[in-house]
Protein backbone atom coordinates (compact mmCIF):
# COMPACT_ATOMS: atom_id res chain seq x y z
CA MET A 1 -0.23 0.21 0.07
CA LYS A 2 1.32 3.50 -0.89
CA SER A 3 1.25 6.47 0.59
CA SER A 4 0.09 8.68 -2.10
CA GLU A 5 -2.96 5.95 -2.29
CA LEU A 6 -3.79 6.95 1.23
CA LYS A 7 -3.83 10.52 0.86
CA ASN A 8 -7.06 10.09 -1.44
CA LYS A 9 -9.00 7.74 0.72
CA SER A 10 -11.42 9.77 3.27
CA VAL A 11 -10.84 9.93 7.39
CA GLU A 12 -13.46 7.06 7.56
CA GLU A 13 -11.95 4.76 4.98
CA LEU A 14 -8.70 5.37 6.40
CA GLN A 15 -10.29 4.63 10.27
CA GLN A 16 -11.95 1.50 8.95
CA GLU A 17 -8.41 0.04 7.05
CA LEU A 18 -6.68 0.92 10.41
CA LEU A 19 -9.18 -1.51 12.20
CA SER A 20 -8.97 -3.78 10.25
CA LEU A 21 -5.38 -3.82 9.28
CA GLY A 22 -4.55 -4.39 13.81
CA LYS A 23 -7.30 -7.47 13.44
CA ALA A 24 -5.34 -8.37 10.76
CA GLN A 25 -1.74 -7.85 12.98
CA PHE A 26 -3.72 -9.61 15.64
CA SER A 27 -4.17 -12.69 13.47
CA LEU A 28 -0.69 -12.95 12.44
CA ARG A 29 0.53 -12.60 15.60
CA MET A 30 -1.98 -15.77 17.13
CA GLN A 31 -0.65 -17.92 13.65
CA LEU A 32 3.38 -16.98 14.92
CA ALA A 33 2.96 -17.77 18.02
CA THR A 34 1.45 -21.57 17.30
CA GLN A 35 4.14 -21.98 14.47
CA GLN A 36 1.74 -21.66 11.77
CA LEU A 37 2.65 -18.50 9.76
CA ALA A 38 4.94 -19.58 7.15
CA ASN A 39 5.45 -16.18 6.19
CA ASN A 40 7.28 -14.03 8.84
CA SER A 41 7.74 -11.16 6.47
CA GLN A 42 3.77 -10.74 6.87
CA ILE A 43 4.19 -9.04 10.29
CA GLY A 44 6.10 -6.64 8.95
CA LYS A 45 4.14 -5.20 5.84
CA VAL A 46 1.63 -5.07 8.64
CA ARG A 47 3.17 -2.86 10.84
CA ARG A 48 4.42 -0.73 7.99
CA ASP A 49 0.71 0.20 6.80
CA ILE A 50 -0.51 0.49 10.55
CA ALA A 51 1.75 3.19 10.38
CA ARG A 52 1.51 4.70 7.21
CA ILE A 53 -2.10 4.76 7.99
CA LYS A 54 -1.46 6.13 11.12
CA THR A 55 0.53 9.14 9.56
CA VAL A 56 -1.58 10.36 6.82
CA LEU A 57 -4.60 10.55 9.39
CA THR A 58 -1.95 12.63 11.47
CA GLU A 59 -1.35 14.79 8.66
CA LYS A 60 -5.07 15.01 7.91
CA GLY A 61 -5.10 16.22 11.81
CA VAL A 62 -7.51 13.82 13.42
CA GLN A 63 -7.02 12.74 16.42
CA GLN A 64 -6.19 8.73 16.86
């Protein structure tokens, strides 16, 4: 996910995306704990996407 794509989305869409990525991150952590996760790099990708969304929300002046 690119930050230029995120800047075109509305605040509500970004908050919804942030919520879904949080759930995905939790799911990946549980898979890692139970040794069911095949690709560990997915966790880092989700974390970076969450950080990008939070950055764009901050730029738009939204309290988190």
